[in-house]
Amino acid sequence: MATAPAPMTRSDKLRVARLRLAAQGLLPKAVPGMDAATTPEMVVSRLGMVQAQDLAQACWALGVRLPGSTMAEVHAALESGGIVRSWGARGTLMFLDPRLLHRLLLVTGPRIKALAAGTWRSENITEAELESLLPVVVERCGTAGASRSELMEAISAAGSDVSGQRGYHLLVALSLGGQIVQGRMEPGSGTRQLFMASSRWSPGAVPETTAETPELALREIVLRYFRSHGPATVADCAWWLGLGLTPVRAALEALGDELATRELGGSAYHLAQEIDALWDDAPGARSVLALPGFDEFLLGYKDRSATLAPEHSEAIAPGGNGVFRRTLVSGGQTVGTWQVETKGRETRTVAVPFEAGSPAGMLGRMHSRMNGYLKFREG
């Protein structure tokens, strides 16, 4: 009778967590052999996609990986088309490298459509309707872009019903071909983006003329995932993409020896060769971070136990409602949450550690990191 593999030890979990900090660009020193990201565009390119249903939090996800950067720099990257925002995987809005947009949708689009099929049937959204509306919304976006309300007016004028949530579901469906994306900030708004016709605005978002198969596209995406998120498992990558295990395994096998692999607790963890070189001396033991809600460090994995003790899951996402709070991370471990409070003209950050009695020095570093967000937001 085969012996069950021993579970991962605490030291193994700590090593995995700290190597993920390095892979995701969350430590001050660059990994030898890997270029350090110096712009918001480089951060997104490295990670492939960044969960972005909360725009302000997604901007900080880039800012925390670029010490000294500002919200204005991220908005400038959105203005130029160096970063786009669209429904990239799991039916969720993502910041995306525009050069990856069509490859990603080639892989994930069919799955998103399959998950939305029931909703589209109940809303009577058909392929024929979408085909007729696509040139309408692309033309309305023009070269300057259009707000969501302006697109709703154009869609309604074309004869489609946009009442209730139907207009929202139409926009999602129309975005899955990559012809429209969210880009520039709406004038006078720091929280809303315009919809842009990608072919007229972001040259990087235009698909290459050479045909690419979903298999080749998935191979590149899987490589980018493990290089920026590893150590991670096939199940982690499949969850991140919203795909089944089989296609991810096939893509991984096709990559050959481009990645390193470590066996821990009966599971294979894949990672960049450069990150694997740090295995015996994982950096980041003294690091303290104030991460946004929905950050890739936590949400980029199906199994989050290496970085978050199960007993604290409720504090991060109360009621399992899919809304993830801002997190405090020390040495790769999630140790609390934090929030921003505004009273009158005063804005302050508040740390909520899981355990009482955190050392004064640790609390001081937490507040320094949290206040870094306020400086980023105001810049």
Protein backbone atom coordinates (compact mmCIF):
# COMPACT_ATOMS: atom_id res chain seq x y z
CA MET A 1 0.00 0.00 0.00
CA ALA A 2 1.44 3.35 -1.04
CA THR A 3 2.37 5.75 1.72
CA ALA A 4 0.58 9.10 1.62
CA PRO A 5 2.98 12.02 1.05
CA ALA A 6 3.85 14.06 4.11
CA PRO A 7 2.05 17.41 4.25
CA MET A 8 3.98 20.59 3.63
CA THR A 9 5.93 21.73 6.65
CA ARG A 10 5.66 25.24 8.04
CA SER A 11 9.17 26.00 6.80
CA ASP A 12 8.18 24.85 3.29
CA LYS A 13 5.12 27.14 3.35
CA LEU A 14 7.26 30.06 4.48
CA ARG A 15 9.74 29.37 1.67
CA VAL A 16 6.95 29.22 -0.92
CA ALA A 17 5.41 32.46 0.37
CA ARG A 18 8.69 34.37 0.36
CA LEU A 19 9.69 33.14 -3.08
CA ARG A 20 6.30 34.35 -4.33
CA LEU A 21 7.14 37.80 -2.93
CA ALA A 22 10.31 37.76 -5.03
CA ALA A 23 8.60 36.44 -8.16
CA GLN A 24 5.83 39.06 -7.96
CA GLY A 25 8.25 41.96 -7.60
CA LEU A 26 7.19 42.78 -4.04
CA LEU A 27 10.69 42.98 -2.57
CA PRO A 28 13.04 45.98 -2.88
CA LYS A 29 15.90 44.04 -4.46
CA ALA A 30 15.56 42.64 -7.97
CA VAL A 31 15.98 38.91 -8.48
CA PRO A 32 19.35 38.16 -10.10
CA GLY A 33 18.79 37.41 -13.77
CA MET A 34 15.30 38.98 -13.85
CA ASP A 35 14.75 42.57 -14.95
CA ALA A 36 13.17 44.76 -12.28
CA ALA A 37 9.94 46.48 -13.29
CA THR A 38 10.35 50.26 -13.44
CA THR A 39 6.99 51.30 -14.94
CA PRO A 40 3.33 50.31 -14.44
CA GLU A 41 3.39 48.77 -17.92
CA MET A 42 6.30 46.53 -16.94
CA VAL A 43 4.52 45.35 -13.79
CA VAL A 44 1.43 44.30 -15.76
CA SER A 45 3.55 42.73 -18.50
CA ARG A 46 5.42 40.70 -15.90
CA LEU A 47 2.28 39.48 -14.11
CA GLY A 48 0.27 38.99 -17.31
CA MET A 49 -2.93 40.27 -15.76
CA VAL A 50 -3.91 41.92 -12.48
CA GLN A 51 -7.37 41.62 -10.94
CA ALA A 52 -8.98 45.04 -11.33
CA GLN A 53 -12.70 45.14 -10.59
CA ASP A 54 -11.83 47.80 -7.97
CA LEU A 55 -9.91 50.36 -10.02
CA ALA A 56 -8.25 52.25 -7.14
CA GLN A 57 -7.10 49.02 -5.50
CA ALA A 58 -5.76 47.71 -8.80
CA CYS A 59 -3.75 50.91 -9.27
CA TRP A 60 -2.18 50.38 -5.84
CA ALA A 61 -1.38 46.77 -6.80
CA LEU A 62 0.96 48.33 -9.38
CA GLY A 63 2.11 51.12 -7.08
CA VAL A 64 3.16 48.81 -4.26
CA ARG A 65 5.44 47.04 -6.75
CA LEU A 66 6.94 50.41 -7.82
CA PRO A 67 8.09 52.24 -4.67
CA GLY A 68 7.86 56.00 -5.11
CA SER A 69 5.34 55.81 -7.96
CA THR A 70 2.04 57.70 -8.02
CA MET A 71 -1.56 57.16 -9.06
CA ALA A 72 -0.97 59.73 -11.82
CA GLU A 73 1.69 57.46 -13.37
CA VAL A 74 -0.74 54.54 -13.51
CA HIS A 75 -3.42 56.77 -15.03
CA ALA A 76 -0.87 57.92 -17.61
CA ALA A 77 -0.24 54.28 -18.58
CA LEU A 78 -3.99 53.83 -19.04
CA GLU A 79 -4.15 57.07 -21.02
CA SER A 80 -1.47 55.92 -23.44
CA GLY A 81 -2.81 52.39 -23.91
CA GLY A 82 0.24 50.82 -22.30
CA ILE A 83 -2.21 49.06 -19.97
CA VAL A 84 -5.79 48.12 -20.83
CA ARG A 85 -8.65 46.95 -18.60
CA SER A 86 -11.16 44.35 -19.68
CA TRP A 87 -12.78 41.05 -18.73
CA GLY A 88 -9.77 38.77 -19.11
CA ALA A 89 -10.47 35.63 -17.09
CA ARG A 90 -13.00 34.21 -14.62
CA GLY A 91 -15.52 36.83 -15.79
CA THR A 92 -13.57 39.46 -13.82
CA LEU A 93 -12.13 42.81 -14.88
CA MET A 94 -8.35 42.74 -15.21
CA PHE A 95 -5.49 45.07 -15.99
CA LEU A 96 -3.84 43.51 -19.04
CA ASP A 97 -0.75 43.84 -21.14
CA PRO A 98 -2.34 44.93 -24.46
CA ARG A 99 0.06 42.63 -26.33
CA LEU A 100 -1.43 39.71 -24.40
CA LEU A 101 -5.07 40.75 -24.75
CA HIS A 102 -6.07 38.79 -27.85
CA ARG A 103 -3.97 35.77 -26.92
CA LEU A 104 -5.61 35.65 -23.51
CA LEU A 105 -9.12 36.02 -24.91
CA LEU A 106 -8.36 33.29 -27.44
CA VAL A 107 -7.81 31.01 -24.44
CA THR A 108 -10.27 32.30 -21.86
CA GLY A 109 -13.03 33.85 -24.00
CA PRO A 110 -14.84 30.57 -24.77
CA ARG A 111 -14.83 29.64 -21.08
CA ILE A 112 -16.20 33.05 -20.01
CA LYS A 113 -18.93 32.74 -22.64
CA ALA A 114 -19.81 29.24 -21.46
CA LEU A 115 -20.13 30.44 -17.84
CA ALA A 116 -22.29 33.38 -18.95
CA ALA A 117 -24.48 31.34 -21.32
CA GLY A 118 -27.33 30.91 -18.85
CA THR A 119 -27.42 34.63 -18.05
CA TRP A 120 -27.31 35.56 -21.73
CA ARG A 121 -30.19 33.19 -22.46
CA SER A 122 -32.28 34.68 -19.66
CA GLU A 123 -31.52 38.18 -21.00
CA ASN A 124 -32.15 37.02 -24.59
CA ILE A 125 -28.69 38.12 -25.73
CA THR A 126 -27.90 36.46 -29.06
CA GLU A 127 -24.84 36.22 -31.29
CA ALA A 128 -26.76 38.01 -34.02
CA GLU A 129 -27.46 40.95 -31.71
CA LEU A 130 -23.83 41.13 -30.62
CA GLU A 131 -22.62 41.00 -34.22
CA SER A 132 -24.86 43.92 -35.17
CA LEU A 133 -23.90 45.98 -32.09
CA LEU A 134 -20.12 45.60 -32.31
CA PRO A 135 -19.57 48.11 -35.14
CA VAL A 136 -21.97 50.50 -33.35
CA VAL A 137 -19.94 50.57 -30.14
CA VAL A 138 -16.59 50.66 -31.94
CA GLU A 139 -17.76 53.64 -34.00
CA ARG A 140 -19.16 55.39 -30.90
CA CYS A 141 -15.80 54.99 -29.15
CA GLY A 142 -14.10 56.62 -32.14
CA THR A 143 -10.63 57.87 -31.32
CA ALA A 144 -11.53 59.74 -28.11
CA GLY A 145 -13.44 57.02 -26.27
CA ALA A 146 -16.94 56.87 -24.80
CA SER A 147 -18.31 56.62 -21.28
CA ARG A 148 -20.46 53.70 -20.22
CA SER A 149 -23.59 55.88 -20.30
CA GLU A 150 -22.74 57.07 -23.82
CA LEU A 151 -22.37 53.47 -24.99
CA MET A 152 -25.68 52.58 -23.37
CA GLU A 153 -27.31 55.41 -25.33
CA ALA A 154 -25.74 54.20 -28.59
CA ILE A 155 -26.80 50.60 -27.95
CA SER A 156 -30.33 51.69 -27.07
CA ALA A 157 -30.51 53.87 -30.18
CA ALA A 158 -29.54 50.79 -32.22
CA GLY A 159 -32.68 49.06 -30.93
CA SER A 160 -31.32 46.94 -28.06
CA ASP A 161 -32.79 46.83 -24.58
CA VAL A 162 -30.34 48.04 -21.90
CA SER A 163 -32.67 48.01 -18.91
CA GLY A 164 -31.72 46.36 -15.63
CA GLN A 165 -28.45 44.45 -15.93
CA ARG A 166 -28.90 43.67 -19.63
CA GLY A 167 -26.78 46.64 -20.73
CA TYR A 168 -23.92 45.52 -18.48
CA HIS A 169 -24.05 41.96 -19.84
CA LEU A 170 -24.03 43.31 -23.39
CA LEU A 171 -20.86 45.32 -22.66
CA VAL A 172 -19.12 42.25 -21.22
CA ALA A 173 -20.10 40.16 -24.24
CA LEU A 174 -19.00 42.84 -26.68
CA SER A 175 -15.62 43.14 -24.91
CA LEU A 176 -14.74 39.46 -25.25
CA GLY A 177 -13.49 39.93 -28.81
CA GLY A 178 -10.96 42.53 -27.67
CA GLN A 179 -12.26 45.25 -30.00
CA ILE A 180 -13.26 47.49 -27.09
CA VAL A 181 -11.41 47.91 -23.79
CA GLN A 182 -11.43 50.34 -20.89
CA GLY A 183 -8.60 52.83 -21.05
CA ARG A 184 -8.44 56.58 -20.50
CA MET A 185 -9.91 58.09 -17.37
CA GLU A 186 -13.23 59.82 -17.89
CA PRO A 187 -12.63 63.61 -17.70
CA GLY A 188 -13.41 64.95 -14.26
CA SER A 189 -13.45 61.47 -12.75
CA GLY A 190 -10.69 59.69 -10.91
CA THR A 191 -12.71 56.49 -10.64
CA ARG A 192 -14.25 55.83 -14.07
CA GLN A 193 -12.68 54.92 -17.40
CA LEU A 194 -13.75 55.48 -20.97
CA PHE A 195 -14.32 52.58 -23.34
CA MET A 196 -11.86 52.70 -26.22
CA ALA A 197 -11.78 51.10 -29.67
CA SER A 198 -8.56 49.14 -29.19
CA SER A 199 -7.57 49.12 -32.87
CA ARG A 200 -7.71 52.93 -33.01
CA TRP A 201 -6.12 53.62 -29.66
CA SER A 202 -3.67 50.98 -28.47
CA PRO A 203 -1.57 49.50 -31.28
CA GLY A 204 -0.35 46.79 -28.93
CA ALA A 205 -3.90 45.49 -28.54
CA VAL A 206 -4.28 44.74 -32.25
CA PRO A 207 -3.82 41.00 -32.93
CA GLU A 208 -0.85 39.98 -35.01
CA THR A 209 -1.54 39.08 -38.64
CA THR A 210 -0.08 35.59 -38.19
CA ALA A 211 -2.63 33.08 -36.98
CA GLU A 212 -2.04 31.73 -33.48
CA THR A 213 -3.64 28.62 -32.06
CA PRO A 214 -5.17 28.56 -28.57
CA GLU A 215 -2.56 25.95 -27.62
CA LEU A 216 0.37 28.25 -28.47
CA ALA A 217 -1.30 31.20 -26.77
CA LEU A 218 -1.93 29.17 -23.62
CA ARG A 219 1.69 28.03 -23.55
CA GLU A 220 2.94 31.62 -23.41
CA ILE A 221 0.38 32.58 -20.76
CA VAL A 222 1.21 29.57 -18.57
CA LEU A 223 4.93 30.39 -18.81
CA ARG A 224 4.26 34.00 -17.82
CA TYR A 225 2.11 32.85 -14.88
CA PHE A 226 4.68 30.52 -13.35
CA ARG A 227 7.57 32.95 -13.90
CA SER A 228 5.69 35.72 -12.06
CA HIS A 229 3.68 33.68 -9.52
CA GLY A 230 5.74 30.56 -8.82
CA PRO A 231 6.18 28.49 -6.79
CA ALA A 232 2.66 27.47 -7.79
CA THR A 233 0.80 24.35 -8.89
CA VAL A 234 -1.11 23.46 -12.02
CA ALA A 235 -4.31 23.83 -9.99
CA ASP A 236 -3.30 27.39 -9.04
CA CYS A 237 -2.68 28.34 -12.68
CA ALA A 238 -5.91 26.70 -13.87
CA TRP A 239 -7.88 28.61 -11.24
CA TRP A 240 -6.19 31.89 -12.20
CA LEU A 241 -7.21 31.40 -15.82
CA GLY A 242 -10.62 29.88 -15.09
CA LEU A 243 -9.71 26.76 -17.08
CA GLY A 244 -9.61 23.03 -16.46
CA LEU A 245 -6.47 21.22 -15.36
CA THR A 246 -5.93 19.26 -18.59
CA PRO A 247 -5.07 22.14 -20.97
CA VAL A 248 -2.79 23.75 -18.37
CA ARG A 249 -0.94 20.45 -17.84
CA ALA A 250 -0.51 20.07 -21.59
CA ALA A 251 0.89 23.61 -21.91
CA LEU A 252 3.26 23.00 -19.02
CA GLU A 253 4.54 19.76 -20.54
CA ALA A 254 5.13 21.53 -23.86
CA LEU A 255 7.35 24.08 -22.09
CA GLY A 256 9.87 21.35 -21.28
CA ASP A 257 12.63 22.52 -18.98
CA GLU A 258 11.91 26.27 -19.21
CA LEU A 259 10.69 26.13 -15.60
CA ALA A 260 12.04 24.53 -12.43
CA THR A 261 9.91 22.10 -10.40
CA ARG A 262 9.93 21.25 -6.70
CA GLU A 263 7.92 18.48 -5.00
CA LEU A 264 6.30 19.60 -1.74
CA GLY A 265 3.60 17.78 0.20
CA GLY A 266 2.87 15.48 -2.72
CA SER A 267 2.35 18.33 -5.20
CA ALA A 268 4.58 19.72 -7.93
CA TYR A 269 5.38 23.42 -7.61
CA HIS A 270 6.65 25.17 -10.74
CA LEU A 271 8.70 28.36 -10.77
CA ALA A 272 11.19 30.41 -12.74
CA GLN A 273 14.73 29.09 -12.79
CA GLU A 274 15.90 32.43 -11.36
CA ILE A 275 13.50 32.10 -8.40
CA ASP A 276 14.51 28.48 -7.86
CA ALA A 277 18.11 29.65 -7.45
CA LEU A 278 16.96 31.40 -4.24
CA TRP A 279 15.45 28.21 -2.78
CA ASP A 280 17.94 27.69 0.03
CA ASP A 281 17.93 31.35 1.09
CA ALA A 282 14.48 32.73 0.32
CA PRO A 283 14.48 36.54 0.73
CA GLY A 284 11.85 38.70 2.38
CA ALA A 285 11.87 37.38 5.96
CA ARG A 286 11.75 40.93 7.35
CA SER A 287 9.52 42.46 4.68
CA VAL A 288 6.32 44.28 5.64
CA LEU A 289 3.73 45.19 3.00
CA ALA A 290 0.37 46.96 2.90
CA LEU A 291 -1.30 45.31 -0.07
CA PRO A 292 -4.59 46.28 -1.74
CA GLY A 293 -7.69 44.17 -1.66
CA PHE A 294 -7.77 41.58 -4.47
CA ASP A 295 -3.97 41.59 -4.74
CA GLU A 296 -2.32 38.91 -6.87
CA PHE A 297 -0.19 37.83 -3.91
CA LEU A 298 -3.33 36.30 -2.38
CA LEU A 299 -5.82 35.96 -5.23
CA GLY A 300 -3.34 34.62 -7.76
CA TYR A 301 -3.66 31.10 -6.33
CA LYS A 302 -6.34 28.50 -5.70
CA ASP A 303 -4.53 27.29 -2.57
CA ARG A 304 -3.65 30.30 -0.40
CA SER A 305 -2.60 28.37 2.69
CA ALA A 306 1.10 29.18 2.23
CA THR A 307 0.38 32.88 2.81
CA LEU A 308 -2.90 32.93 4.76
CA ALA A 309 -3.79 30.73 7.73
CA PRO A 310 -7.27 29.21 7.11
CA GLU A 311 -8.61 30.55 10.41
CA HIS A 312 -8.12 34.11 9.13
CA SER A 313 -9.90 33.66 5.79
CA GLU A 314 -13.14 35.11 7.16
CA ALA A 315 -11.36 38.32 8.16
CA ILE A 316 -10.10 38.78 4.60
CA ALA A 317 -13.34 37.99 2.75
CA PRO A 318 -16.21 38.18 5.27
CA GLY A 319 -19.05 35.85 4.45
CA GLY A 320 -17.25 34.55 1.39
CA ASN A 321 -18.89 37.32 -0.63
CA GLY A 322 -15.98 37.66 -3.06
CA VAL A 323 -14.91 41.06 -1.71
CA PHE A 324 -11.31 40.89 -0.44
CA ARG A 325 -10.05 43.44 2.05
CA ARG A 326 -6.67 45.16 2.05
CA THR A 327 -4.04 42.97 3.71
CA LEU A 328 -0.95 43.42 5.85
CA VAL A 329 1.80 40.94 4.99
CA SER A 330 4.89 40.30 7.11
CA GLY A 331 7.59 37.93 5.94
CA GLY A 332 5.22 36.50 3.34
CA GLN A 333 2.45 35.81 5.90
CA THR A 334 -0.88 37.66 5.95
CA VAL A 335 -1.05 39.08 9.49
CA GLY A 336 -3.97 41.49 9.34
CA THR A 337 -6.09 43.89 7.35
CA TRP A 338 -6.01 47.66 7.01
CA GLN A 339 -8.38 50.41 5.98
CA VAL A 340 -8.51 54.07 5.10
CA GLU A 341 -10.75 56.33 7.18
CA THR A 342 -11.77 59.87 6.28
CA LYS A 343 -13.24 62.27 8.82
CA GLY A 344 -13.81 65.74 7.49
CA ARG A 345 -10.54 66.81 5.89
CA GLU A 346 -8.46 64.23 7.72
CA THR A 347 -7.57 60.90 6.13
CA ARG A 348 -5.76 58.22 8.09
CA THR A 349 -4.87 54.56 7.82
CA VAL A 350 -5.85 51.99 10.42
CA ALA A 351 -4.14 48.64 10.94
CA VAL A 352 -6.19 45.66 12.14
CA PRO A 353 -3.71 42.88 13.06
CA PHE A 354 -5.10 39.38 13.54
CA GLU A 355 -3.12 38.96 16.75
CA ALA A 356 -3.07 41.51 19.56
CA GLY A 357 0.22 42.72 20.96
CA SER A 358 2.21 43.18 17.75
CA PRO A 359 5.66 44.66 18.54
CA ALA A 360 5.81 48.44 18.39
CA GLY A 361 8.46 48.26 15.67
CA MET A 362 6.24 46.05 13.54
CA LEU A 363 3.25 48.39 13.95
CA GLY A 364 5.45 51.32 13.00
CA ARG A 365 6.53 49.61 9.78
CA MET A 366 2.91 48.71 9.01
CA HIS A 367 1.84 52.35 9.33
CA SER A 368 4.75 53.46 7.17
CA ARG A 369 3.65 51.08 4.42
CA MET A 370 -0.02 52.06 4.74
CA ASN A 371 0.84 55.76 4.59
CA GLY A 372 2.77 54.97 1.43
CA TYR A 373 -0.60 54.32 -0.17
CA LEU A 374 -1.84 57.80 0.81
CA LYS A 375 1.24 59.37 -0.80
CA PHE A 376 0.70 57.22 -3.92
CA ARG A 377 -2.95 58.26 -4.14
CA GLU A 378 -2.19 61.94 -3.73
CA GLY A 379 0.70 61.99 -6.23
